[in-house]
Amino acid sequence: MGKPKILIKNLYEILQSEKFDCIRWTDNGRAFIIVDPEEFQKSIMPEYFYSTQIKSLYRQLNSYGFKMRSLKNNQKMFSHKWFIQGNISSLYKVERQRTRSIAHLDKEKDSIVIMREEMKQLKEELETLQSQQNSILKQIRIHSIIQTYICKNIKKICDEQKKINMEREQETKLVVYFTSMFEIFKGFQFEIASNIILQLKDIGGPQTPSFSPMIFPYM
């Protein structure tokens, strides 16, 4: 079994002695009341405690985990689960809250470590997503370039096809023209046309049959 802290031991002995009217146990013995804080500060604190200020004692009791409750006439009641009348064996369990604070700090430290690990993982995931996004953007740019190239070639092919269609149309017109001309000149008599041309010379007509408005003789 451990030893109780000096402050706790002195406070317990003061209460158990019942020599002082300014402090007493409650009826159930699970708390104590400082009935007269001024008298307590004046008569007890200089002899039993390092500090001579009652407020300093309040702060120390709070650091040991005592719960304080204000009563009428400036009285204060304090309670702790291990500070009980007649139960001296449990006084060593009344300890400063520093141990709990350290445990709390260790818990916070663990939480910080976990948060850092989570942040690291999130950062890695973010970098992966950014890499995937960049890859997708590159693919989109490549597809855009390919699409532009295909569109240009389709336009080129359409222009070529249009040109071919125009040439074919022109060829068709030429075929129709020469076919018509062939039909026109099908029964042409060269000797008769020569005589007509000679006669036309005398009257000042056109000298070339290709430009003559005359109808050439046919069979």
N, C-alpha and C. Protein backbone atom coordinates (compact mmCIF):
# COMPACT_ATOMS: atom_id res chain seq x y z
N MET A 1 0.85 -1.20 0.00
CA MET A 1 0.00 0.00 0.00
C MET A 1 0.88 1.24 0.00
N GLY A 2 0.53 2.23 -0.82
CA GLY A 2 1.31 3.46 -0.91
C GLY A 2 1.04 4.40 0.25
N LYS A 3 1.82 5.45 0.27
CA LYS A 3 1.65 6.47 1.32
C LYS A 3 0.86 7.64 0.78
N PRO A 4 -0.01 8.22 1.61
CA PRO A 4 -0.77 9.40 1.16
C PRO A 4 0.13 10.62 1.09
N LYS A 5 -0.25 11.55 0.24
CA LYS A 5 0.49 12.81 0.13
C LYS A 5 0.35 13.60 1.43
N ILE A 6 1.35 14.44 1.71
CA ILE A 6 1.38 15.19 2.98
C ILE A 6 0.14 16.04 3.16
N LEU A 7 -0.26 16.74 2.14
CA LEU A 7 -1.44 17.61 2.23
C LEU A 7 -2.67 16.79 2.58
N ILE A 8 -2.84 15.64 1.92
CA ILE A 8 -4.00 14.80 2.17
C ILE A 8 -3.96 14.22 3.58
N LYS A 9 -2.76 13.77 3.98
CA LYS A 9 -2.59 13.20 5.32
C LYS A 9 -2.89 14.23 6.40
N ASN A 10 -2.36 15.44 6.26
CA ASN A 10 -2.60 16.50 7.25
C ASN A 10 -4.08 16.87 7.32
N LEU A 11 -4.70 16.99 6.18
CA LEU A 11 -6.11 17.37 6.14
C LEU A 11 -6.96 16.30 6.82
N TYR A 12 -6.65 15.04 6.58
CA TYR A 12 -7.40 13.94 7.20
C TYR A 12 -7.23 13.95 8.73
N GLU A 13 -5.98 14.15 9.17
CA GLU A 13 -5.72 14.18 10.62
C GLU A 13 -6.43 15.34 11.29
N ILE A 14 -6.47 16.49 10.63
CA ILE A 14 -7.19 17.66 11.19
C ILE A 14 -8.66 17.32 11.39
N LEU A 15 -9.27 16.68 10.38
CA LEU A 15 -10.68 16.34 10.46
C LEU A 15 -10.93 15.27 11.54
N GLN A 16 -10.04 14.30 11.61
CA GLN A 16 -10.22 13.22 12.57
C GLN A 16 -10.02 13.68 14.04
N SER A 17 -9.17 14.69 14.20
CA SER A 17 -8.89 15.18 15.56
C SER A 17 -10.09 15.86 16.20
N GLU A 18 -10.94 16.48 15.37
CA GLU A 18 -12.14 17.19 15.83
C GLU A 18 -11.78 18.29 16.85
N LYS A 19 -10.56 18.83 16.71
CA LYS A 19 -10.14 19.91 17.62
C LYS A 19 -10.58 21.28 17.12
N PHE A 20 -10.97 21.36 15.85
CA PHE A 20 -11.26 22.66 15.26
C PHE A 20 -12.72 22.74 14.83
N ASP A 21 -13.34 23.86 15.18
CA ASP A 21 -14.74 24.07 14.82
C ASP A 21 -14.90 24.62 13.41
N CYS A 22 -13.80 25.08 12.83
CA CYS A 22 -13.90 25.73 11.50
C CYS A 22 -13.94 24.71 10.35
N ILE A 23 -13.75 23.40 10.67
CA ILE A 23 -13.80 22.37 9.64
C ILE A 23 -14.37 21.09 10.26
N ARG A 24 -15.18 20.33 9.50
CA ARG A 24 -15.78 19.12 10.03
C ARG A 24 -16.19 18.20 8.89
N TRP A 25 -16.43 16.93 9.24
CA TRP A 25 -16.98 15.96 8.29
C TRP A 25 -18.47 16.23 8.11
N THR A 26 -18.99 15.81 6.98
CA THR A 26 -20.45 15.81 6.81
C THR A 26 -21.00 14.63 7.61
N ASP A 27 -22.32 14.56 7.73
CA ASP A 27 -22.94 13.51 8.54
C ASP A 27 -22.64 12.11 8.02
N ASN A 28 -22.57 11.95 6.70
CA ASN A 28 -22.29 10.61 6.16
C ASN A 28 -20.80 10.31 6.07
N GLY A 29 -19.96 11.30 6.36
CA GLY A 29 -18.52 11.08 6.35
C GLY A 29 -17.89 10.97 4.98
N ARG A 30 -18.61 11.29 3.93
CA ARG A 30 -18.09 11.18 2.56
C ARG A 30 -17.65 12.53 2.00
N ALA A 31 -17.70 13.57 2.82
CA ALA A 31 -17.26 14.90 2.42
C ALA A 31 -16.94 15.69 3.70
N PHE A 32 -16.28 16.82 3.50
CA PHE A 32 -16.01 17.69 4.65
C PHE A 32 -16.36 19.12 4.28
N ILE A 33 -16.61 19.92 5.30
CA ILE A 33 -17.02 21.31 5.09
C ILE A 33 -16.07 22.24 5.83
N ILE A 34 -15.58 23.24 5.13
CA ILE A 34 -14.84 24.32 5.79
C ILE A 34 -15.89 25.34 6.23
N VAL A 35 -16.23 25.28 7.49
CA VAL A 35 -17.35 26.08 8.02
C VAL A 35 -16.98 27.56 8.08
N ASP A 36 -15.76 27.85 8.51
CA ASP A 36 -15.32 29.24 8.65
C ASP A 36 -13.99 29.40 7.93
N PRO A 37 -13.99 29.79 6.64
CA PRO A 37 -12.76 29.91 5.86
C PRO A 37 -11.74 30.88 6.48
N GLU A 38 -12.22 31.97 7.04
CA GLU A 38 -11.29 32.95 7.62
C GLU A 38 -10.55 32.35 8.83
N GLU A 39 -11.27 31.69 9.70
CA GLU A 39 -10.66 31.07 10.88
C GLU A 39 -9.72 29.93 10.47
N PHE A 40 -10.13 29.20 9.48
CA PHE A 40 -9.30 28.10 8.98
C PHE A 40 -7.96 28.64 8.46
N GLN A 41 -8.04 29.73 7.71
CA GLN A 41 -6.83 30.35 7.15
C GLN A 41 -5.94 30.90 8.25
N LYS A 42 -6.55 31.43 9.28
CA LYS A 42 -5.80 32.08 10.36
C LYS A 42 -5.21 31.07 11.36
N SER A 43 -5.97 30.03 11.71
CA SER A 43 -5.56 29.14 12.80
C SER A 43 -4.89 27.86 12.33
N ILE A 44 -5.30 27.34 11.19
CA ILE A 44 -4.84 26.01 10.77
C ILE A 44 -3.77 26.06 9.70
N MET A 45 -3.94 26.87 8.70
CA MET A 45 -3.05 26.84 7.55
C MET A 45 -1.59 27.14 7.90
N PRO A 46 -1.28 28.13 8.70
CA PRO A 46 0.13 28.39 9.02
C PRO A 46 0.83 27.20 9.70
N GLU A 47 0.10 26.37 10.42
CA GLU A 47 0.70 25.27 11.16
C GLU A 47 0.79 23.97 10.36
N TYR A 48 -0.21 23.72 9.48
CA TYR A 48 -0.29 22.43 8.81
C TYR A 48 0.02 22.47 7.30
N PHE A 49 0.01 23.66 6.70
CA PHE A 49 0.17 23.73 5.24
C PHE A 49 1.27 24.72 4.88
N TYR A 50 1.85 24.51 3.71
CA TYR A 50 2.93 25.39 3.25
C TYR A 50 2.39 26.78 2.92
N SER A 51 1.20 26.83 2.35
CA SER A 51 0.61 28.11 1.99
C SER A 51 -0.26 28.62 3.14
N THR A 52 -0.38 29.92 3.21
CA THR A 52 -1.22 30.53 4.25
C THR A 52 -2.49 31.16 3.68
N GLN A 53 -2.74 30.92 2.40
CA GLN A 53 -3.92 31.48 1.75
C GLN A 53 -4.93 30.37 1.47
N ILE A 54 -6.16 30.58 1.87
CA ILE A 54 -7.20 29.59 1.72
C ILE A 54 -7.50 29.28 0.26
N LYS A 55 -7.38 30.29 -0.59
CA LYS A 55 -7.63 30.08 -2.03
C LYS A 55 -6.59 29.16 -2.64
N SER A 56 -5.37 29.24 -2.12
CA SER A 56 -4.32 28.33 -2.58
C SER A 56 -4.68 26.89 -2.24
N LEU A 57 -5.25 26.67 -1.02
CA LEU A 57 -5.69 25.34 -0.63
C LEU A 57 -6.80 24.85 -1.55
N TYR A 58 -7.72 25.74 -1.89
CA TYR A 58 -8.80 25.35 -2.81
C TYR A 58 -8.23 24.86 -4.15
N ARG A 59 -7.23 25.57 -4.65
CA ARG A 59 -6.63 25.18 -5.93
C ARG A 59 -5.93 23.82 -5.82
N GLN A 60 -5.25 23.61 -4.68
CA GLN A 60 -4.56 22.34 -4.49
C GLN A 60 -5.56 21.18 -4.41
N LEU A 61 -6.63 21.39 -3.66
CA LEU A 61 -7.64 20.35 -3.57
C LEU A 61 -8.25 20.04 -4.94
N ASN A 62 -8.43 21.06 -5.71
CA ASN A 62 -8.95 20.87 -7.08
C ASN A 62 -7.98 20.06 -7.93
N SER A 63 -6.66 20.32 -7.72
CA SER A 63 -5.66 19.58 -8.49
C SER A 63 -5.63 18.10 -8.09
N TYR A 64 -6.11 17.79 -6.87
CA TYR A 64 -6.17 16.39 -6.41
C TYR A 64 -7.50 15.73 -6.78
N GLY A 65 -8.35 16.45 -7.45
CA GLY A 65 -9.61 15.87 -7.92
C GLY A 65 -10.77 16.03 -6.97
N PHE A 66 -10.63 16.89 -5.94
CA PHE A 66 -11.75 17.14 -5.04
C PHE A 66 -12.82 17.96 -5.76
N LYS A 67 -14.07 17.62 -5.52
CA LYS A 67 -15.18 18.40 -6.06
C LYS A 67 -15.64 19.40 -5.00
N MET A 68 -15.68 20.67 -5.38
CA MET A 68 -16.04 21.73 -4.44
C MET A 68 -17.48 22.20 -4.70
N ARG A 69 -18.17 22.46 -3.60
CA ARG A 69 -19.53 22.98 -3.69
C ARG A 69 -19.66 24.14 -2.71
N SER A 70 -20.14 25.27 -3.20
CA SER A 70 -20.31 26.45 -2.35
C SER A 70 -21.62 26.37 -1.58
N LEU A 71 -21.52 26.66 -0.28
CA LEU A 71 -22.70 26.65 0.59
C LEU A 71 -22.98 28.07 1.09
N LYS A 72 -23.95 28.21 1.97
CA LYS A 72 -24.28 29.53 2.50
C LYS A 72 -23.16 30.01 3.43
N ASN A 73 -23.15 31.31 3.65
CA ASN A 73 -22.17 31.96 4.54
C ASN A 73 -20.72 31.69 4.13
N ASN A 74 -20.50 31.59 2.82
CA ASN A 74 -19.15 31.42 2.25
C ASN A 74 -18.52 30.07 2.63
N GLN A 75 -19.34 29.12 3.10
CA GLN A 75 -18.81 27.80 3.43
C GLN A 75 -18.54 27.00 2.15
N LYS A 76 -17.56 26.08 2.23
CA LYS A 76 -17.19 25.26 1.08
C LYS A 76 -17.23 23.79 1.49
N MET A 77 -17.81 22.97 0.63
CA MET A 77 -17.85 21.54 0.89
C MET A 77 -17.02 20.83 -0.19
N PHE A 78 -16.18 19.88 0.25
CA PHE A 78 -15.30 19.15 -0.67
C PHE A 78 -15.55 17.66 -0.52
N SER A 79 -15.47 16.96 -1.65
CA SER A 79 -15.66 15.51 -1.62
C SER A 79 -14.73 14.84 -2.63
N HIS A 80 -14.31 13.62 -2.28
CA HIS A 80 -13.47 12.80 -3.16
C HIS A 80 -13.80 11.35 -2.85
N LYS A 81 -13.85 10.52 -3.89
CA LYS A 81 -14.28 9.13 -3.68
C LYS A 81 -13.33 8.33 -2.80
N TRP A 82 -12.07 8.79 -2.68
CA TRP A 82 -11.11 8.06 -1.84
C TRP A 82 -10.82 8.78 -0.52
N PHE A 83 -11.43 9.93 -0.31
CA PHE A 83 -11.23 10.69 0.93
C PHE A 83 -12.50 10.55 1.77
N ILE A 84 -12.54 9.52 2.65
CA ILE A 84 -13.76 9.18 3.39
C ILE A 84 -13.41 9.00 4.88
N GLN A 85 -14.28 9.44 5.71
CA GLN A 85 -14.07 9.34 7.16
C GLN A 85 -13.90 7.87 7.59
N GLY A 86 -12.82 7.59 8.34
CA GLY A 86 -12.55 6.24 8.84
C GLY A 86 -11.91 5.31 7.83
N ASN A 87 -11.65 5.76 6.63
CA ASN A 87 -11.06 4.91 5.58
C ASN A 87 -9.67 5.44 5.22
N ILE A 88 -8.74 5.36 6.16
CA ILE A 88 -7.41 5.89 5.96
C ILE A 88 -6.60 5.09 4.93
N SER A 89 -6.97 3.85 4.74
CA SER A 89 -6.21 2.98 3.82
C SER A 89 -6.33 3.41 2.36
N SER A 90 -7.35 4.19 2.04
CA SER A 90 -7.55 4.61 0.64
C SER A 90 -6.99 6.00 0.35
N LEU A 91 -6.37 6.63 1.35
CA LEU A 91 -5.89 8.01 1.13
C LEU A 91 -4.78 8.09 0.09
N TYR A 92 -3.97 7.01 -0.04
CA TYR A 92 -2.86 7.06 -1.01
C TYR A 92 -3.36 7.14 -2.45
N LYS A 93 -4.62 6.78 -2.64
CA LYS A 93 -5.20 6.82 -3.99
C LYS A 93 -5.58 8.24 -4.42
N VAL A 94 -5.58 9.15 -3.44
CA VAL A 94 -5.87 10.55 -3.77
C VAL A 94 -4.59 11.16 -4.33
N GLU A 95 -4.53 11.33 -5.64
CA GLU A 95 -3.32 11.81 -6.31
C GLU A 95 -3.65 13.04 -7.15
N ARG A 96 -2.61 13.74 -7.43
CA ARG A 96 -2.77 14.90 -8.31
C ARG A 96 -3.27 14.45 -9.68
N GLN A 97 -3.99 15.33 -10.31
CA GLN A 97 -4.55 15.01 -11.62
C GLN A 97 -3.52 15.02 -12.72
N ARG A 98 -2.26 15.27 -12.36
CA ARG A 98 -1.20 15.33 -13.36
C ARG A 98 -1.08 14.00 -14.09
N THR A 99 -1.24 12.88 -13.38
CA THR A 99 -1.16 11.57 -14.00
C THR A 99 -2.23 11.43 -15.08
N ARG A 100 -3.42 11.88 -14.71
CA ARG A 100 -4.50 11.84 -15.70
C ARG A 100 -4.21 12.76 -16.87
N SER A 101 -3.62 13.93 -16.53
CA SER A 101 -3.29 14.88 -17.59
C SER A 101 -2.28 14.29 -18.54
N ILE A 102 -1.28 13.59 -17.98
CA ILE A 102 -0.28 12.95 -18.84
C ILE A 102 -0.93 11.89 -19.71
N ALA A 103 -1.82 11.11 -19.07
CA ALA A 103 -2.54 10.09 -19.84
C ALA A 103 -3.37 10.74 -20.94
N HIS A 104 -3.99 11.88 -20.56
CA HIS A 104 -4.78 12.61 -21.56
C HIS A 104 -3.89 13.12 -22.68
N LEU A 105 -2.70 13.62 -22.31
CA LEU A 105 -1.76 14.10 -23.32
C LEU A 105 -1.28 12.96 -24.22
N ASP A 106 -1.03 11.80 -23.59
CA ASP A 106 -0.62 10.64 -24.38
C ASP A 106 -1.72 10.24 -25.36
N LYS A 107 -2.97 10.32 -24.85
CA LYS A 107 -4.10 10.00 -25.72
C LYS A 107 -4.18 11.00 -26.87
N GLU A 108 -3.98 12.28 -26.55
CA GLU A 108 -3.99 13.30 -27.60
C GLU A 108 -2.84 13.08 -28.59
N LYS A 109 -1.67 12.68 -28.03
CA LYS A 109 -0.52 12.41 -28.88
C LYS A 109 -0.82 11.28 -29.85
N ASP A 110 -1.45 10.22 -29.32
CA ASP A 110 -1.84 9.11 -30.18
C ASP A 110 -2.83 9.56 -31.25
N SER A 111 -3.75 10.43 -30.81
CA SER A 111 -4.74 10.94 -31.77
C SER A 111 -4.06 11.75 -32.86
N ILE A 112 -3.06 12.54 -32.46
CA ILE A 112 -2.32 13.35 -33.44
C ILE A 112 -1.58 12.46 -34.42
N VAL A 113 -0.95 11.38 -33.88
CA VAL A 113 -0.23 10.44 -34.74
C VAL A 113 -1.19 9.81 -35.74
N ILE A 114 -2.38 9.40 -35.24
CA ILE A 114 -3.39 8.80 -36.12
C ILE A 114 -3.83 9.80 -37.18
N MET A 115 -4.05 11.05 -36.74
CA MET A 115 -4.47 12.09 -37.69
C MET A 115 -3.41 12.32 -38.75
N ARG A 116 -2.13 12.32 -38.33
CA ARG A 116 -1.05 12.51 -39.29
C ARG A 116 -1.00 11.37 -40.30
N GLU A 117 -1.21 10.14 -39.80
CA GLU A 117 -1.23 8.99 -40.69
C GLU A 117 -2.38 9.10 -41.68
N GLU A 118 -3.55 9.52 -41.16
CA GLU A 118 -4.72 9.68 -42.03
C GLU A 118 -4.47 10.78 -43.05
N MET A 119 -3.85 11.90 -42.61
CA MET A 119 -3.54 12.99 -43.53
C MET A 119 -2.55 12.53 -44.60
N LYS A 120 -1.56 11.74 -44.18
CA LYS A 120 -0.58 11.20 -45.13
C LYS A 120 -1.27 10.33 -46.16
N GLN A 121 -2.18 9.47 -45.67
CA GLN A 121 -2.91 8.59 -46.57
C GLN A 121 -3.80 9.39 -47.52
N LEU A 122 -4.47 10.41 -46.96
CA LEU A 122 -5.32 11.26 -47.81
C LEU A 122 -4.49 12.00 -48.85
N LYS A 123 -3.28 12.45 -48.45
CA LYS A 123 -2.40 13.14 -49.38
C LYS A 123 -1.99 12.21 -50.52
N GLU A 124 -1.66 10.97 -50.16
CA GLU A 124 -1.28 10.00 -51.19
C GLU A 124 -2.45 9.72 -52.13
N GLU A 125 -3.65 9.58 -51.55
CA GLU A 125 -4.83 9.34 -52.38
C GLU A 125 -5.09 10.54 -53.29
N LEU A 126 -4.89 11.75 -52.75
CA LEU A 126 -5.08 12.96 -53.55
C LEU A 126 -4.09 13.01 -54.69
N GLU A 127 -2.82 12.67 -54.42
CA GLU A 127 -1.81 12.66 -55.46
C GLU A 127 -2.15 11.63 -56.54
N THR A 128 -2.67 10.47 -56.09
CA THR A 128 -3.08 9.45 -57.06
C THR A 128 -4.22 9.95 -57.94
N LEU A 129 -5.20 10.60 -57.30
CA LEU A 129 -6.34 11.16 -58.06
C LEU A 129 -5.87 12.24 -59.04
N GLN A 130 -4.93 13.09 -58.59
CA GLN A 130 -4.40 14.13 -59.47
C GLN A 130 -3.66 13.51 -60.66
N SER A 131 -2.90 12.44 -60.38
CA SER A 131 -2.19 11.75 -61.47
C SER A 131 -3.17 11.16 -62.46
N GLN A 132 -4.23 10.52 -61.94
CA GLN A 132 -5.26 9.96 -62.81
C GLN A 132 -5.96 11.05 -63.61
N GLN A 133 -6.21 12.19 -62.95
CA GLN A 133 -6.85 13.31 -63.64
C GLN A 133 -5.96 13.83 -64.77
N ASN A 134 -4.67 13.96 -64.49
CA ASN A 134 -3.74 14.42 -65.53
C ASN A 134 -3.70 13.43 -66.69
N SER A 135 -3.71 12.14 -66.37
CA SER A 135 -3.72 11.12 -67.42
C SER A 135 -4.98 11.22 -68.27
N ILE A 136 -6.13 11.41 -67.60
CA ILE A 136 -7.40 11.55 -68.33
C ILE A 136 -7.38 12.79 -69.22
N LEU A 137 -6.83 13.90 -68.69
CA LEU A 137 -6.75 15.13 -69.48
C LEU A 137 -5.86 14.94 -70.71
N LYS A 138 -4.76 14.21 -70.54
CA LYS A 138 -3.87 13.92 -71.68
C LYS A 138 -4.61 13.11 -72.73
N GLN A 139 -5.36 12.10 -72.28
CA GLN A 139 -6.13 11.28 -73.20
C GLN A 139 -7.18 12.11 -73.93
N ILE A 140 -7.81 13.03 -73.18
CA ILE A 140 -8.82 13.90 -73.80
C ILE A 140 -8.17 14.78 -74.88
N ARG A 141 -6.97 15.33 -74.55
CA ARG A 141 -6.26 16.16 -75.55
C ARG A 141 -5.89 15.34 -76.78
N ILE A 142 -5.43 14.10 -76.55
CA ILE A 142 -5.06 13.23 -77.67
C ILE A 142 -6.28 12.93 -78.53
N HIS A 143 -7.41 12.59 -77.88
CA HIS A 143 -8.65 12.32 -78.62
C HIS A 143 -9.11 13.56 -79.37
N SER A 144 -8.91 14.73 -78.75
CA SER A 144 -9.30 15.97 -79.42
C SER A 144 -8.47 16.19 -80.67
N ILE A 145 -7.16 15.94 -80.55
CA ILE A 145 -6.27 16.09 -81.71
C ILE A 145 -6.66 15.10 -82.81
N ILE A 146 -6.93 13.85 -82.40
CA ILE A 146 -7.32 12.84 -83.39
C ILE A 146 -8.64 13.23 -84.05
N GLN A 147 -9.59 13.72 -83.25
CA GLN A 147 -10.89 14.12 -83.79
C GLN A 147 -10.73 15.27 -84.78
N THR A 148 -9.87 16.24 -84.41
CA THR A 148 -9.62 17.37 -85.32
C THR A 148 -8.99 16.88 -86.62
N TYR A 149 -8.04 15.95 -86.51
CA TYR A 149 -7.38 15.40 -87.70
C TYR A 149 -8.39 14.67 -88.58
N ILE A 150 -9.27 13.87 -87.94
CA ILE A 150 -10.28 13.12 -88.69
C ILE A 150 -11.24 14.08 -89.39
N CYS A 151 -11.66 15.13 -88.67
CA CYS A 151 -12.58 16.13 -89.27
C CYS A 151 -11.94 16.81 -90.48
N LYS A 152 -10.67 17.16 -90.36
CA LYS A 152 -9.97 17.81 -91.48
C LYS A 152 -9.89 16.88 -92.68
N ASN A 153 -9.59 15.61 -92.41
CA ASN A 153 -9.50 14.65 -93.50
C ASN A 153 -10.85 14.37 -94.13
N ILE A 154 -11.89 14.33 -93.27
CA ILE A 154 -13.24 14.14 -93.82
C ILE A 154 -13.60 15.30 -94.73
N LYS A 155 -13.25 16.53 -94.30
CA LYS A 155 -13.52 17.72 -95.13
C LYS A 155 -12.74 17.65 -96.44
N LYS A 156 -11.49 17.21 -96.31
CA LYS A 156 -10.65 17.09 -97.50
C LYS A 156 -11.24 16.08 -98.47
N ILE A 157 -11.69 14.94 -97.89
CA ILE A 157 -12.29 13.90 -98.74
C ILE A 157 -13.57 14.42 -99.39
N CYS A 158 -14.37 15.15 -98.59
CA CYS A 158 -15.62 15.71 -99.13
C CYS A 158 -15.33 16.71 -100.25
N ASP A 159 -14.30 17.54 -100.05
CA ASP A 159 -13.92 18.51 -101.09
C ASP A 159 -13.45 17.78 -102.34
N GLU A 160 -12.65 16.71 -102.15
CA GLU A 160 -12.17 15.94 -103.30
C GLU A 160 -13.34 15.27 -104.02
N GLN A 161 -14.26 14.72 -103.21
CA GLN A 161 -15.42 14.06 -103.81
C GLN A 161 -16.28 15.07 -104.56
N LYS A 162 -16.41 16.26 -103.98
CA LYS A 162 -17.17 17.31 -104.66
C LYS A 162 -16.51 17.68 -105.99
N LYS A 163 -15.16 17.77 -105.94
CA LYS A 163 -14.42 18.09 -107.17
C LYS A 163 -14.59 16.99 -108.20
N ILE A 164 -14.52 15.72 -107.73
CA ILE A 164 -14.71 14.59 -108.65
C ILE A 164 -16.11 14.61 -109.23
N ASN A 165 -17.11 14.90 -108.37
CA ASN A 165 -18.49 14.96 -108.86
C ASN A 165 -18.66 16.06 -109.91
N MET A 166 -18.00 17.20 -109.65
CA MET A 166 -18.07 18.30 -110.64
C MET A 166 -17.40 17.89 -111.94
N GLU A 167 -16.24 17.22 -111.83
CA GLU A 167 -15.55 16.77 -113.05
C GLU A 167 -16.39 15.75 -113.80
N ARG A 168 -17.02 14.82 -113.04
CA ARG A 168 -17.89 13.84 -113.69
C ARG A 168 -19.07 14.50 -114.37
N GLU A 169 -19.61 15.52 -113.67
CA GLU A 169 -20.72 16.26 -114.26
C GLU A 169 -20.29 16.96 -115.54
N GLN A 170 -19.07 17.51 -115.49
CA GLN A 170 -18.54 18.17 -116.68
C GLN A 170 -18.31 17.17 -117.80
N GLU A 171 -17.78 16.01 -117.40
CA GLU A 171 -17.57 14.96 -118.40
C GLU A 171 -18.89 14.52 -119.01
N THR A 172 -19.90 14.39 -118.13
CA THR A 172 -21.22 13.99 -118.63
C THR A 172 -21.77 15.01 -119.61
N LYS A 173 -21.58 16.28 -119.28
CA LYS A 173 -22.04 17.34 -120.19
C LYS A 173 -21.30 17.27 -121.52
N LEU A 174 -19.97 17.01 -121.41
CA LEU A 174 -19.18 16.91 -122.65
C LEU A 174 -19.63 15.72 -123.49
N VAL A 175 -19.89 14.61 -122.81
CA VAL A 175 -20.36 13.42 -123.54
C VAL A 175 -21.69 13.73 -124.23
N VAL A 176 -22.58 14.37 -123.48
CA VAL A 176 -23.88 14.73 -124.07
C VAL A 176 -23.66 15.69 -125.26
N TYR A 177 -22.75 16.67 -125.06
CA TYR A 177 -22.49 17.64 -126.13
C TYR A 177 -21.95 16.96 -127.38
N PHE A 178 -20.93 16.10 -127.19
CA PHE A 178 -20.32 15.45 -128.36
C PHE A 178 -21.27 14.44 -128.97
N THR A 179 -22.07 13.83 -128.15
CA THR A 179 -23.08 12.91 -128.69
C THR A 179 -24.07 13.68 -129.56
N SER A 180 -24.47 14.85 -129.06
CA SER A 180 -25.41 15.68 -129.84
C SER A 180 -24.75 16.13 -131.13
N MET A 181 -23.47 16.54 -131.02
CA MET A 181 -22.75 16.99 -132.22
C MET A 181 -22.59 15.85 -133.21
N PHE A 182 -22.33 14.65 -132.67
CA PHE A 182 -22.20 13.50 -133.56
C PHE A 182 -23.50 13.26 -134.29
N GLU A 183 -24.61 13.37 -133.58
CA GLU A 183 -25.90 13.18 -134.21
C GLU A 183 -26.15 14.25 -135.26
N ILE A 184 -25.67 15.49 -134.98
CA ILE A 184 -25.88 16.59 -135.94
C ILE A 184 -25.10 16.36 -137.22
N PHE A 185 -23.80 15.92 -137.00
CA PHE A 185 -22.92 15.77 -138.16
C PHE A 185 -22.95 14.36 -138.75
N LYS A 186 -23.89 13.60 -138.32
CA LYS A 186 -23.93 12.21 -138.75
C LYS A 186 -24.09 12.08 -140.28
N GLY A 187 -24.95 12.87 -140.91
CA GLY A 187 -25.18 12.77 -142.36
C GLY A 187 -24.58 13.90 -143.16
N PHE A 188 -23.51 14.48 -142.61
CA PHE A 188 -22.90 15.66 -143.26
C PHE A 188 -22.22 15.28 -144.58
N GLN A 189 -22.45 16.11 -145.65
CA GLN A 189 -21.83 15.91 -146.97
C GLN A 189 -20.81 17.00 -147.20
N PHE A 190 -19.55 16.62 -147.21
CA PHE A 190 -18.46 17.58 -147.30
C PHE A 190 -18.44 18.32 -148.63
N GLU A 191 -18.74 17.64 -149.77
CA GLU A 191 -18.67 18.28 -151.11
C GLU A 191 -19.71 19.38 -151.25
N ILE A 192 -20.91 19.06 -150.72
CA ILE A 192 -21.99 20.06 -150.82
C ILE A 192 -21.64 21.26 -149.97
N ALA A 193 -21.07 21.02 -148.78
CA ALA A 193 -20.72 22.13 -147.89
C ALA A 193 -19.64 22.98 -148.50
N SER A 194 -18.71 22.38 -149.26
CA SER A 194 -17.62 23.15 -149.89
C SER A 194 -18.18 24.08 -150.94
N ASN A 195 -19.13 23.59 -151.75
CA ASN A 195 -19.75 24.44 -152.76
C ASN A 195 -20.47 25.61 -152.12
N ILE A 196 -21.15 25.33 -151.04
CA ILE A 196 -21.91 26.39 -150.36
C ILE A 196 -20.95 27.45 -149.84
N ILE A 197 -19.81 26.99 -149.28
CA ILE A 197 -18.81 27.93 -148.73
C ILE A 197 -18.24 28.80 -149.84
N LEU A 198 -17.99 28.22 -151.01
CA LEU A 198 -17.47 29.00 -152.14
C LEU A 198 -18.46 30.06 -152.57
N GLN A 199 -19.74 29.66 -152.58
CA GLN A 199 -20.76 30.62 -152.95
C GLN A 199 -20.87 31.74 -151.91
N LEU A 200 -20.66 31.38 -150.64
CA LEU A 200 -20.75 32.37 -149.56
C LEU A 200 -19.63 33.39 -149.65
N LYS A 201 -18.51 32.97 -150.18
CA LYS A 201 -17.39 33.91 -150.32
C LYS A 201 -17.76 35.07 -151.23
N ASP A 202 -18.54 34.76 -152.26
CA ASP A 202 -18.90 35.80 -153.21
C ASP A 202 -19.83 36.84 -152.60
N ILE A 203 -20.59 36.40 -151.60
CA ILE A 203 -21.54 37.35 -151.01
C ILE A 203 -21.04 37.88 -149.68
N GLY A 204 -19.81 37.56 -149.32
CA GLY A 204 -19.22 38.10 -148.08
C GLY A 204 -19.67 37.37 -146.84
N GLY A 205 -20.08 36.13 -146.95
CA GLY A 205 -20.52 35.35 -145.78
C GLY A 205 -19.33 34.82 -145.00
N PRO A 206 -19.59 34.15 -143.99
CA PRO A 206 -18.50 33.59 -143.16
C PRO A 206 -17.72 32.57 -143.96
N GLN A 207 -16.43 32.55 -143.76
CA GLN A 207 -15.53 31.68 -144.51
C GLN A 207 -15.30 30.33 -143.82
N THR A 208 -15.72 30.21 -142.63
CA THR A 208 -15.48 28.97 -141.88
C THR A 208 -16.81 28.33 -141.52
N PRO A 209 -17.03 27.11 -141.89
CA PRO A 209 -18.32 26.49 -141.59
C PRO A 209 -18.62 26.42 -140.11
N SER A 210 -17.57 26.35 -139.27
CA SER A 210 -17.82 26.21 -137.82
C SER A 210 -18.50 27.42 -137.24
N PHE A 211 -18.37 28.58 -137.92
CA PHE A 211 -19.01 29.80 -137.41
C PHE A 211 -20.21 30.23 -138.24
N SER A 212 -20.54 29.44 -139.21
CA SER A 212 -21.63 29.84 -140.10
C SER A 212 -22.97 29.52 -139.49
N PRO A 213 -23.89 30.47 -139.61
CA PRO A 213 -25.24 30.21 -139.09
C PRO A 213 -26.08 29.40 -140.05
N MET A 214 -25.47 29.05 -141.19
CA MET A 214 -26.24 28.36 -142.19
C MET A 214 -26.41 26.90 -141.79
N ILE A 215 -27.46 26.31 -142.29
CA ILE A 215 -27.70 24.88 -142.06
C ILE A 215 -27.03 24.13 -143.17
N PHE A 216 -26.10 23.23 -142.77
CA PHE A 216 -25.35 22.47 -143.81
C PHE A 216 -26.25 21.41 -144.42
N PRO A 217 -26.01 21.12 -145.67
CA PRO A 217 -26.85 20.10 -146.35
C PRO A 217 -26.61 18.73 -145.78
N TYR A 218 -27.64 17.96 -145.71
CA TYR A 218 -27.58 16.59 -145.20
C TYR A 218 -28.16 15.66 -146.23
N MET A 219 -27.90 14.40 -146.08
CA MET A 219 -28.46 13.38 -146.94
C MET A 219 -29.95 13.34 -146.76
